[in-house]
N, C-alpha and C. Protein backbone atom coordinates (compact mmCIF):
# COMPACT_ATOMS: atom_id res chain seq x y z
N MET A 1 82.65 103.39 136.08
CA MET A 1 82.30 101.98 136.23
C MET A 1 82.58 101.25 134.93
N LYS A 2 83.57 100.38 134.96
CA LYS A 2 83.89 99.57 133.79
C LYS A 2 84.53 98.28 134.27
N LYS A 3 84.05 97.17 133.75
CA LYS A 3 84.62 95.88 134.11
C LYS A 3 84.71 95.03 132.86
N ILE A 4 85.91 94.55 132.53
CA ILE A 4 86.13 93.70 131.36
C ILE A 4 87.00 92.52 131.77
N ILE A 5 86.55 91.33 131.42
CA ILE A 5 87.30 90.11 131.68
C ILE A 5 88.27 89.88 130.52
N LEU A 6 89.50 89.55 130.84
CA LEU A 6 90.46 89.20 129.81
C LEU A 6 90.21 87.75 129.39
N ALA A 7 89.74 87.58 128.17
CA ALA A 7 89.45 86.25 127.64
C ALA A 7 90.19 86.09 126.32
N PRO A 8 90.59 84.88 125.98
CA PRO A 8 91.25 84.68 124.68
C PRO A 8 90.31 85.05 123.54
N TYR A 9 90.91 85.52 122.45
CA TYR A 9 90.11 85.90 121.28
C TYR A 9 90.43 84.97 120.11
N ILE A 10 89.37 84.51 119.44
CA ILE A 10 89.51 83.67 118.24
C ILE A 10 88.64 84.27 117.15
N ASP A 11 89.22 84.45 115.97
CA ASP A 11 88.46 84.91 114.80
C ASP A 11 87.89 83.68 114.09
N GLN A 12 86.58 83.63 113.95
CA GLN A 12 85.93 82.47 113.35
C GLN A 12 85.95 82.46 111.84
N THR A 13 86.23 83.60 111.20
CA THR A 13 85.77 83.88 109.85
C THR A 13 86.34 82.94 108.79
N ARG A 14 87.61 82.63 108.84
CA ARG A 14 88.20 81.84 107.76
C ARG A 14 87.94 80.35 107.91
N ARG A 15 88.12 79.83 109.12
CA ARG A 15 88.06 78.37 109.29
C ARG A 15 86.70 77.89 109.79
N TRP A 16 86.00 78.71 110.56
CA TRP A 16 84.73 78.28 111.17
C TRP A 16 83.66 79.32 110.83
N VAL A 17 83.38 79.46 109.54
CA VAL A 17 82.57 80.58 109.06
C VAL A 17 81.20 80.62 109.72
N ASN A 18 80.63 79.48 110.06
CA ASN A 18 79.34 79.44 110.75
C ASN A 18 79.46 78.78 112.11
N GLY A 19 80.60 78.96 112.74
CA GLY A 19 80.85 78.30 114.02
C GLY A 19 80.90 79.25 115.20
N CYS A 20 80.12 80.34 115.15
CA CYS A 20 80.22 81.35 116.21
C CYS A 20 79.91 80.79 117.60
N GLU A 21 78.97 79.85 117.68
CA GLU A 21 78.61 79.28 119.00
C GLU A 21 79.78 78.48 119.56
N SER A 22 80.40 77.65 118.71
CA SER A 22 81.52 76.84 119.17
C SER A 22 82.72 77.72 119.54
N ILE A 23 83.00 78.73 118.73
CA ILE A 23 84.15 79.60 119.00
C ILE A 23 83.91 80.40 120.28
N SER A 24 82.70 80.88 120.49
CA SER A 24 82.40 81.61 121.73
C SER A 24 82.53 80.70 122.94
N ALA A 25 82.09 79.44 122.79
CA ALA A 25 82.21 78.49 123.89
C ALA A 25 83.67 78.19 124.20
N VAL A 26 84.48 78.02 123.16
CA VAL A 26 85.90 77.75 123.36
C VAL A 26 86.58 78.94 124.03
N MET A 27 86.21 80.17 123.65
CA MET A 27 86.77 81.36 124.31
C MET A 27 86.36 81.40 125.78
N ALA A 28 85.10 81.04 126.07
CA ALA A 28 84.64 81.03 127.46
C ALA A 28 85.41 80.02 128.29
N LEU A 29 85.64 78.84 127.73
CA LEU A 29 86.41 77.82 128.44
C LEU A 29 87.85 78.28 128.64
N GLY A 30 88.43 78.89 127.62
CA GLY A 30 89.80 79.39 127.74
C GLY A 30 89.95 80.45 128.81
N ALA A 31 88.91 81.25 129.01
CA ALA A 31 88.96 82.31 130.03
C ALA A 31 89.08 81.76 131.43
N VAL A 32 88.66 80.50 131.64
CA VAL A 32 88.78 79.90 132.98
C VAL A 32 89.88 78.84 133.01
N GLY A 33 90.74 78.85 131.99
CA GLY A 33 91.91 77.98 132.00
C GLY A 33 91.70 76.61 131.40
N VAL A 34 90.57 76.39 130.73
CA VAL A 34 90.31 75.10 130.08
C VAL A 34 90.58 75.29 128.58
N GLN A 35 91.72 74.80 128.13
CA GLN A 35 92.14 75.02 126.75
C GLN A 35 91.60 73.89 125.87
N VAL A 36 90.85 74.29 124.83
CA VAL A 36 90.29 73.32 123.88
C VAL A 36 90.53 73.84 122.46
N ASP A 37 91.05 73.00 121.59
CA ASP A 37 91.18 73.37 120.18
C ASP A 37 89.78 73.42 119.55
N PRO A 38 89.46 74.47 118.80
CA PRO A 38 88.11 74.57 118.23
C PRO A 38 87.71 73.38 117.37
N ASP A 39 88.63 72.85 116.57
CA ASP A 39 88.29 71.70 115.74
C ASP A 39 88.00 70.47 116.59
N THR A 40 88.74 70.32 117.68
CA THR A 40 88.46 69.22 118.60
C THR A 40 87.10 69.39 119.24
N PHE A 41 86.78 70.61 119.66
CA PHE A 41 85.49 70.90 120.27
C PHE A 41 84.35 70.55 119.31
N ILE A 42 84.48 70.95 118.04
CA ILE A 42 83.43 70.69 117.07
C ILE A 42 83.30 69.18 116.78
N ALA A 43 84.44 68.51 116.59
CA ALA A 43 84.40 67.09 116.22
C ALA A 43 84.00 66.20 117.39
N ARG A 44 84.52 66.50 118.58
CA ARG A 44 84.33 65.61 119.73
C ARG A 44 83.14 65.98 120.60
N ASP A 45 82.89 67.28 120.77
CA ASP A 45 81.94 67.73 121.80
C ASP A 45 80.61 68.22 121.24
N LEU A 46 80.63 68.84 120.08
CA LEU A 46 79.42 69.48 119.54
C LEU A 46 78.53 68.46 118.84
N PRO A 47 77.29 68.25 119.31
CA PRO A 47 76.37 67.40 118.54
C PRO A 47 76.04 68.09 117.21
N HIS A 48 76.30 67.42 116.10
CA HIS A 48 75.96 68.02 114.81
C HIS A 48 75.58 66.93 113.82
N ALA A 49 74.72 67.32 112.86
CA ALA A 49 74.21 66.38 111.87
C ALA A 49 73.83 67.14 110.61
N PRO A 50 73.89 66.49 109.45
CA PRO A 50 73.60 67.19 108.19
C PRO A 50 72.11 67.35 107.93
N PHE A 51 71.81 68.23 106.98
CA PHE A 51 70.47 68.31 106.40
C PHE A 51 70.28 67.17 105.41
N TRP A 52 69.02 66.90 105.05
CA TRP A 52 68.76 65.94 103.98
C TRP A 52 67.45 66.32 103.29
N GLU A 53 67.31 65.85 102.07
CA GLU A 53 66.07 66.10 101.31
C GLU A 53 65.25 64.82 101.24
N GLN A 54 63.96 64.98 101.38
CA GLN A 54 63.04 63.85 101.34
C GLN A 54 61.71 64.34 100.78
N ASP A 55 61.25 63.70 99.73
CA ASP A 55 59.98 64.06 99.09
C ASP A 55 59.94 65.54 98.73
N GLY A 56 61.08 66.05 98.28
CA GLY A 56 61.14 67.44 97.83
C GLY A 56 61.19 68.47 98.95
N GLN A 57 61.34 68.01 100.20
CA GLN A 57 61.42 68.93 101.33
C GLN A 57 62.77 68.84 102.02
N LEU A 58 63.19 69.95 102.61
CA LEU A 58 64.42 69.98 103.38
C LEU A 58 64.13 69.56 104.81
N TRP A 59 64.91 68.60 105.28
CA TRP A 59 64.81 68.12 106.67
C TRP A 59 66.13 68.39 107.37
N GLY A 60 66.07 68.59 108.67
CA GLY A 60 67.29 68.82 109.43
C GLY A 60 67.06 68.65 110.91
N PRO A 61 68.15 68.66 111.68
CA PRO A 61 68.03 68.49 113.13
C PRO A 61 67.46 69.72 113.82
N ASP A 62 67.10 69.53 115.08
CA ASP A 62 66.59 70.62 115.91
C ASP A 62 67.79 71.37 116.50
N PRO A 63 67.98 72.65 116.15
CA PRO A 63 69.15 73.40 116.62
C PRO A 63 69.21 73.62 118.12
N HIS A 64 68.12 73.34 118.81
CA HIS A 64 68.20 73.41 120.27
C HIS A 64 69.14 72.35 120.81
N TYR A 65 69.24 71.22 120.09
CA TYR A 65 69.98 70.08 120.62
C TYR A 65 71.11 69.58 119.72
N VAL A 66 71.02 69.89 118.42
CA VAL A 66 72.00 69.42 117.44
C VAL A 66 72.30 70.54 116.46
N TYR A 67 73.57 70.77 116.18
CA TYR A 67 73.95 71.79 115.20
C TYR A 67 73.64 71.27 113.80
N PRO A 68 72.83 72.01 113.00
CA PRO A 68 72.52 71.57 111.65
C PRO A 68 73.61 71.96 110.65
N GLY A 69 74.19 70.96 109.97
CA GLY A 69 75.22 71.24 108.99
C GLY A 69 76.61 71.19 109.59
N ASP A 70 77.54 71.88 108.95
CA ASP A 70 78.95 71.88 109.35
C ASP A 70 79.38 73.32 109.68
N PRO A 71 79.86 73.57 110.91
CA PRO A 71 80.29 74.93 111.27
C PRO A 71 81.44 75.47 110.42
N HIS A 72 82.14 74.58 109.71
CA HIS A 72 83.27 75.01 108.90
C HIS A 72 82.86 75.68 107.59
N ASP A 73 81.62 75.47 107.16
CA ASP A 73 81.27 75.98 105.84
C ASP A 73 79.83 76.50 105.82
N HIS A 74 79.37 76.86 104.63
CA HIS A 74 78.07 77.52 104.50
C HIS A 74 76.89 76.55 104.55
N THR A 75 77.16 75.24 104.76
CA THR A 75 76.04 74.32 105.03
C THR A 75 75.56 74.48 106.47
N GLY A 76 76.38 75.10 107.32
CA GLY A 76 76.04 75.24 108.73
C GLY A 76 75.09 76.40 108.98
N TYR A 77 74.30 76.25 109.99
CA TYR A 77 73.40 77.33 110.42
C TYR A 77 73.85 77.87 111.77
N GLY A 78 73.63 77.12 112.80
CA GLY A 78 73.93 77.55 114.15
C GLY A 78 73.16 76.67 115.11
N CYS A 79 73.29 76.95 116.39
CA CYS A 79 72.58 76.15 117.38
C CYS A 79 72.29 77.02 118.59
N TYR A 80 71.51 76.46 119.51
CA TYR A 80 71.03 77.22 120.65
C TYR A 80 71.62 76.69 121.96
N ALA A 81 71.22 77.29 123.04
CA ALA A 81 71.86 77.07 124.33
C ALA A 81 71.93 75.61 124.77
N PRO A 82 70.86 74.80 124.67
CA PRO A 82 70.98 73.42 125.15
C PRO A 82 72.08 72.62 124.44
N CYS A 83 72.25 72.85 123.14
CA CYS A 83 73.29 72.18 122.38
C CYS A 83 74.68 72.57 122.88
N ILE A 84 74.88 73.87 123.12
CA ILE A 84 76.18 74.34 123.59
C ILE A 84 76.43 73.90 125.04
N CYS A 85 75.38 73.82 125.84
CA CYS A 85 75.54 73.29 127.20
C CYS A 85 76.09 71.87 127.15
N GLN A 86 75.52 71.05 126.29
CA GLN A 86 75.99 69.67 126.17
C GLN A 86 77.44 69.63 125.70
N ALA A 87 77.77 70.47 124.71
CA ALA A 87 79.13 70.48 124.16
C ALA A 87 80.14 70.97 125.20
N MET A 88 79.82 72.02 125.94
CA MET A 88 80.75 72.54 126.95
C MET A 88 80.92 71.56 128.10
N THR A 89 79.86 70.86 128.46
CA THR A 89 79.96 69.84 129.51
C THR A 89 80.88 68.72 129.06
N SER A 90 80.75 68.31 127.80
CA SER A 90 81.62 67.29 127.25
C SER A 90 83.08 67.74 127.27
N ALA A 91 83.32 69.01 126.90
CA ALA A 91 84.69 69.54 126.89
C ALA A 91 85.28 69.59 128.30
N LEU A 92 84.48 69.99 129.27
CA LEU A 92 84.95 70.01 130.66
C LEU A 92 85.31 68.61 131.14
N GLU A 93 84.48 67.65 130.80
CA GLU A 93 84.77 66.27 131.20
C GLU A 93 86.05 65.76 130.56
N ALA A 94 86.24 66.06 129.29
CA ALA A 94 87.44 65.61 128.58
C ALA A 94 88.71 66.25 129.15
N ALA A 95 88.57 67.49 129.64
CA ALA A 95 89.72 68.21 130.20
C ALA A 95 89.94 67.90 131.68
N GLY A 96 89.08 67.09 132.27
CA GLY A 96 89.19 66.79 133.69
C GLY A 96 88.83 67.97 134.57
N ALA A 97 87.97 68.85 134.06
CA ALA A 97 87.61 70.07 134.80
C ALA A 97 86.16 70.08 135.25
N ALA A 98 85.45 68.96 135.08
CA ALA A 98 84.03 68.93 135.44
C ALA A 98 83.82 69.00 136.95
N ASP A 99 84.87 68.77 137.72
CA ASP A 99 84.76 68.90 139.18
C ASP A 99 84.94 70.34 139.64
N ARG A 100 85.36 71.22 138.70
CA ARG A 100 85.60 72.62 139.05
C ARG A 100 84.54 73.57 138.51
N PHE A 101 83.90 73.18 137.40
CA PHE A 101 82.93 74.07 136.76
C PHE A 101 81.69 73.29 136.34
N ALA A 102 80.55 73.94 136.42
CA ALA A 102 79.30 73.43 135.87
C ALA A 102 78.84 74.37 134.76
N VAL A 103 78.16 73.83 133.77
CA VAL A 103 77.61 74.62 132.67
C VAL A 103 76.15 74.93 132.99
N VAL A 104 75.77 76.20 132.85
CA VAL A 104 74.43 76.64 133.24
C VAL A 104 73.72 77.26 132.04
N ASP A 105 72.54 76.76 131.72
CA ASP A 105 71.71 77.37 130.68
C ASP A 105 70.99 78.56 131.30
N GLU A 106 71.37 79.76 130.88
CA GLU A 106 70.81 80.99 131.43
C GLU A 106 69.84 81.66 130.46
N THR A 107 69.25 80.86 129.57
CA THR A 107 68.27 81.39 128.63
C THR A 107 67.12 82.06 129.38
N GLY A 108 66.73 83.23 128.88
CA GLY A 108 65.65 83.99 129.50
C GLY A 108 66.13 85.16 130.31
N ARG A 109 67.43 85.25 130.56
CA ARG A 109 67.96 86.35 131.36
C ARG A 109 68.49 87.46 130.46
N SER A 110 68.30 88.68 130.90
CA SER A 110 68.78 89.84 130.14
C SER A 110 70.29 89.97 130.28
N ALA A 111 70.87 90.79 129.42
CA ALA A 111 72.30 91.06 129.52
C ALA A 111 72.64 91.68 130.87
N ALA A 112 71.77 92.56 131.36
CA ALA A 112 72.01 93.19 132.66
C ALA A 112 72.09 92.14 133.76
N GLU A 113 71.18 91.17 133.72
CA GLU A 113 71.20 90.11 134.73
C GLU A 113 72.43 89.22 134.58
N LEU A 114 72.83 88.95 133.35
CA LEU A 114 73.98 88.09 133.11
C LEU A 114 75.29 88.72 133.56
N CYS A 115 75.30 90.03 133.73
CA CYS A 115 76.52 90.70 134.19
C CYS A 115 76.90 90.31 135.61
N GLY A 116 76.00 89.63 136.32
CA GLY A 116 76.38 89.05 137.60
C GLY A 116 77.53 88.07 137.45
N TYR A 117 77.57 87.37 136.31
CA TYR A 117 78.71 86.48 136.04
C TYR A 117 79.98 87.28 135.78
N ILE A 118 79.85 88.39 135.07
CA ILE A 118 81.02 89.23 134.81
C ILE A 118 81.63 89.69 136.13
N ASP A 119 80.79 90.03 137.09
CA ASP A 119 81.27 90.46 138.40
C ASP A 119 82.04 89.36 139.12
N GLN A 120 81.78 88.11 138.73
CA GLN A 120 82.50 86.97 139.32
C GLN A 120 83.72 86.57 138.48
N GLY A 121 84.00 87.32 137.42
CA GLY A 121 85.13 87.00 136.56
C GLY A 121 84.85 85.91 135.55
N LEU A 122 83.56 85.70 135.23
CA LEU A 122 83.17 84.62 134.33
C LEU A 122 82.44 85.19 133.11
N PRO A 123 82.97 85.02 131.90
CA PRO A 123 82.28 85.50 130.70
C PRO A 123 81.07 84.63 130.38
N VAL A 124 80.22 85.10 129.49
CA VAL A 124 78.96 84.42 129.16
C VAL A 124 78.83 84.26 127.66
N VAL A 125 78.51 83.06 127.22
CA VAL A 125 78.19 82.80 125.81
C VAL A 125 76.80 83.38 125.55
N PHE A 126 76.71 84.28 124.59
CA PHE A 126 75.57 85.19 124.49
C PHE A 126 75.05 85.24 123.06
N TRP A 127 73.75 85.02 122.90
CA TRP A 127 73.14 85.06 121.57
C TRP A 127 72.54 86.43 121.29
N ALA A 128 72.85 86.96 120.10
CA ALA A 128 72.27 88.23 119.64
C ALA A 128 72.14 88.12 118.12
N THR A 129 72.41 89.19 117.40
CA THR A 129 72.32 89.16 115.94
C THR A 129 73.64 89.62 115.33
N LEU A 130 73.86 89.20 114.10
CA LEU A 130 75.09 89.53 113.40
C LEU A 130 75.21 91.03 113.24
N ASP A 131 76.32 91.58 113.73
CA ASP A 131 76.57 93.03 113.69
C ASP A 131 75.43 93.84 114.34
N PHE A 132 74.67 93.18 115.20
CA PHE A 132 73.56 93.81 115.94
C PHE A 132 72.57 94.48 114.98
N GLN A 133 72.26 93.73 113.92
CA GLN A 133 71.27 94.16 112.94
C GLN A 133 69.96 93.43 113.19
N PRO A 134 68.85 93.91 112.64
CA PRO A 134 67.55 93.25 112.86
C PRO A 134 67.50 91.86 112.24
N VAL A 135 66.53 91.08 112.69
CA VAL A 135 66.25 89.77 112.09
C VAL A 135 65.42 90.00 110.82
N PRO A 136 65.95 89.65 109.63
CA PRO A 136 65.25 89.99 108.40
C PRO A 136 64.19 88.97 107.98
N GLY A 137 64.16 87.82 108.63
CA GLY A 137 63.20 86.80 108.24
C GLY A 137 63.64 85.45 108.79
N VAL A 138 63.13 84.38 108.18
CA VAL A 138 63.44 83.03 108.66
C VAL A 138 63.74 82.11 107.47
N ASP A 139 64.51 81.05 107.76
CA ASP A 139 64.60 79.89 106.89
C ASP A 139 63.83 78.76 107.56
N ARG A 140 63.30 77.85 106.74
CA ARG A 140 62.45 76.80 107.30
C ARG A 140 62.94 75.42 106.87
N TRP A 141 62.83 74.47 107.78
CA TRP A 141 63.02 73.07 107.43
C TRP A 141 62.17 72.21 108.36
N ARG A 142 62.05 70.94 108.01
CA ARG A 142 61.24 70.02 108.80
C ARG A 142 62.15 69.24 109.74
N LEU A 143 61.75 69.14 111.00
CA LEU A 143 62.52 68.42 112.01
C LEU A 143 62.26 66.92 111.92
N PRO A 144 63.12 66.10 112.53
CA PRO A 144 62.90 64.64 112.49
C PRO A 144 61.52 64.21 113.02
N ASN A 145 60.93 65.01 113.91
CA ASN A 145 59.59 64.66 114.42
C ASN A 145 58.46 65.10 113.48
N GLY A 146 58.83 65.70 112.34
CA GLY A 146 57.85 66.12 111.35
C GLY A 146 57.40 67.56 111.48
N ARG A 147 57.75 68.21 112.59
CA ARG A 147 57.32 69.60 112.80
C ARG A 147 58.17 70.55 111.96
N MET A 148 57.56 71.62 111.45
CA MET A 148 58.31 72.65 110.74
C MET A 148 59.03 73.54 111.75
N PHE A 149 60.25 73.92 111.38
CA PHE A 149 61.05 74.78 112.25
C PHE A 149 61.42 76.05 111.51
N ASP A 150 61.27 77.20 112.17
CA ASP A 150 61.66 78.50 111.62
C ASP A 150 62.96 78.96 112.27
N TRP A 151 64.00 79.07 111.46
CA TRP A 151 65.29 79.56 111.93
C TRP A 151 65.37 81.07 111.71
N LYS A 152 65.52 81.81 112.79
CA LYS A 152 65.62 83.27 112.67
C LYS A 152 66.98 83.65 112.08
N LEU A 153 66.94 84.37 110.97
CA LEU A 153 68.17 84.78 110.30
C LEU A 153 68.93 85.83 111.12
N ASN A 154 70.19 86.01 110.74
CA ASN A 154 71.11 86.93 111.42
C ASN A 154 71.46 86.48 112.84
N GLU A 155 71.19 85.22 113.15
CA GLU A 155 71.59 84.70 114.48
C GLU A 155 73.11 84.79 114.61
N HIS A 156 73.57 85.20 115.77
CA HIS A 156 75.01 85.28 116.03
C HIS A 156 75.26 85.06 117.51
N CYS A 157 76.40 84.46 117.78
CA CYS A 157 76.79 84.18 119.16
C CYS A 157 78.13 84.86 119.44
N LEU A 158 78.22 85.51 120.58
CA LEU A 158 79.41 86.24 120.99
C LEU A 158 79.73 85.87 122.44
N LEU A 159 80.86 86.35 122.90
CA LEU A 159 81.21 86.16 124.31
C LEU A 159 81.07 87.49 125.04
N LEU A 160 80.11 87.55 125.96
CA LEU A 160 79.94 88.74 126.80
C LEU A 160 81.07 88.76 127.82
N VAL A 161 81.90 89.81 127.77
CA VAL A 161 83.07 89.85 128.65
C VAL A 161 83.10 91.06 129.57
N GLY A 162 82.15 92.02 129.41
CA GLY A 162 82.23 93.18 130.27
C GLY A 162 81.10 94.17 130.06
N TYR A 163 81.20 95.24 130.83
CA TYR A 163 80.19 96.30 130.74
C TYR A 163 80.79 97.59 131.29
N ASP A 164 80.20 98.70 130.87
CA ASP A 164 80.46 99.98 131.52
C ASP A 164 79.10 100.66 131.72
N GLN A 165 79.09 101.93 131.94
CA GLN A 165 77.83 102.60 132.26
C GLN A 165 76.83 102.54 131.11
N ASP A 166 77.31 102.62 129.87
CA ASP A 166 76.41 102.74 128.72
C ASP A 166 76.45 101.56 127.76
N ARG A 167 77.46 100.70 127.90
CA ARG A 167 77.68 99.68 126.87
C ARG A 167 77.97 98.31 127.50
N TYR A 168 77.73 97.28 126.68
CA TYR A 168 78.21 95.94 126.99
C TYR A 168 79.39 95.63 126.06
N TRP A 169 80.35 94.88 126.58
CA TRP A 169 81.56 94.56 125.84
C TRP A 169 81.59 93.08 125.48
N PHE A 170 82.06 92.80 124.26
CA PHE A 170 82.07 91.43 123.75
C PHE A 170 83.40 91.09 123.09
N ASN A 171 83.77 89.82 123.16
CA ASN A 171 84.68 89.24 122.20
C ASN A 171 83.80 88.74 121.05
N ASP A 172 83.84 89.45 119.92
CA ASP A 172 83.00 89.10 118.78
C ASP A 172 83.87 88.38 117.75
N PRO A 173 83.61 87.08 117.54
CA PRO A 173 84.50 86.30 116.65
C PRO A 173 84.30 86.57 115.17
N TRP A 174 83.30 87.35 114.79
CA TRP A 174 82.98 87.57 113.38
C TRP A 174 83.91 88.60 112.74
N HIS A 175 84.54 88.23 111.63
CA HIS A 175 85.38 89.14 110.84
C HIS A 175 86.40 89.89 111.70
N ASN A 176 86.96 89.18 112.66
CA ASN A 176 88.03 89.73 113.50
C ASN A 176 87.62 91.03 114.18
N HIS A 177 86.35 91.11 114.60
CA HIS A 177 85.88 92.31 115.30
C HIS A 177 86.61 92.52 116.63
N GLY A 178 87.08 91.44 117.22
CA GLY A 178 87.85 91.54 118.46
C GLY A 178 87.01 91.99 119.64
N LEU A 179 87.65 92.70 120.56
CA LEU A 179 86.95 93.24 121.72
C LEU A 179 86.21 94.51 121.29
N CYS A 180 84.89 94.50 121.42
CA CYS A 180 84.11 95.64 120.95
C CYS A 180 82.93 95.88 121.88
N ALA A 181 82.40 97.08 121.82
CA ALA A 181 81.31 97.48 122.71
C ALA A 181 80.09 97.89 121.88
N GLN A 182 78.91 97.67 122.45
CA GLN A 182 77.66 98.07 121.82
C GLN A 182 76.76 98.71 122.87
N PRO A 183 75.90 99.66 122.47
CA PRO A 183 75.00 100.30 123.43
C PRO A 183 74.09 99.28 124.11
N LYS A 184 73.84 99.50 125.39
CA LYS A 184 73.09 98.52 126.17
C LYS A 184 71.70 98.27 125.60
N GLU A 185 71.01 99.31 125.21
CA GLU A 185 69.64 99.13 124.72
C GLU A 185 69.62 98.29 123.45
N LEU A 186 70.57 98.54 122.55
CA LEU A 186 70.65 97.77 121.31
C LEU A 186 70.96 96.30 121.59
N VAL A 187 71.89 96.05 122.51
CA VAL A 187 72.24 94.68 122.87
C VAL A 187 71.03 93.93 123.41
N GLU A 188 70.31 94.56 124.33
CA GLU A 188 69.13 93.90 124.91
C GLU A 188 68.08 93.61 123.84
N GLU A 189 67.92 94.54 122.92
CA GLU A 189 66.94 94.36 121.84
C GLU A 189 67.31 93.17 120.95
N CYS A 190 68.59 93.07 120.57
CA CYS A 190 69.04 91.98 119.69
C CYS A 190 69.06 90.65 120.44
N HIS A 191 69.32 90.68 121.73
CA HIS A 191 69.27 89.47 122.55
C HIS A 191 67.84 88.93 122.60
N ARG A 192 66.88 89.82 122.79
CA ARG A 192 65.46 89.41 122.79
C ARG A 192 65.05 88.87 121.42
N ALA A 193 65.56 89.49 120.35
CA ALA A 193 65.19 89.08 119.00
C ALA A 193 65.62 87.64 118.70
N GLN A 194 66.65 87.16 119.42
CA GLN A 194 67.10 85.78 119.25
C GLN A 194 66.77 84.94 120.49
N ASP A 195 65.69 85.30 121.16
CA ASP A 195 65.07 84.47 122.20
C ASP A 195 65.89 84.31 123.48
N LEU A 196 66.78 85.27 123.75
CA LEU A 196 67.44 85.37 125.06
C LEU A 196 68.26 84.14 125.44
N TYR A 197 68.85 83.48 124.44
CA TYR A 197 69.71 82.34 124.76
C TYR A 197 71.02 82.82 125.39
N ALA A 198 71.49 82.07 126.37
CA ALA A 198 72.78 82.38 127.01
C ALA A 198 73.25 81.14 127.78
N VAL A 199 74.56 80.98 127.85
CA VAL A 199 75.17 79.86 128.58
C VAL A 199 76.34 80.40 129.39
N ALA A 200 76.43 79.96 130.63
CA ALA A 200 77.49 80.43 131.51
C ALA A 200 78.18 79.25 132.20
N LEU A 201 79.34 79.53 132.74
CA LEU A 201 80.05 78.59 133.59
C LEU A 201 79.90 79.03 135.05
N ARG A 202 79.71 78.07 135.92
CA ARG A 202 79.62 78.34 137.37
C ARG A 202 80.69 77.55 138.08
N ARG A 203 81.40 78.23 138.96
CA ARG A 203 82.41 77.54 139.77
C ARG A 203 81.73 76.63 140.80
N LYS A 204 82.22 75.44 140.94
CA LYS A 204 81.65 74.52 141.94
C LYS A 204 82.30 74.74 143.29
């Protein structure tokens, strides 16, 4: 039992050092025939805003809805499923493909459950940890509403493209890892550690 979707591969490391979510989204769109340049996706589709300092404190946007910093450099952090849903919906509309695909926030579902999309030939934008390592701690900043936000370190986004009996397969954009497999138990553990975020495309 092995199923792998052929999806385009993009290495994020040189040009989009902190753009794993955008690159994974662009790969997912490319797998269904919607071609988007990553820089266009970031500039046109991805909600993003800078950090700022005020009264000696660091302030920044809420990564659920807005990418904090710039995905091209080390000022960037990352973002979560609602932000990528908005960006992918924008990209579909710009490509004239919104009548063919809908973007679905699948946060809360395990990798095993998300493989239902793989069975339909649809890859999944999937949150886990960098190199499937533990979360070592958090960075903190204050959101525009005044609430403190804890960003879990080692956050990473990949494209789930397949599975076999013991492993899940990914297009991992980090350091040209390419198509790679990880043990199922480890993947599920790292997915839970980053709050089970996931985004999928659904055929209309």
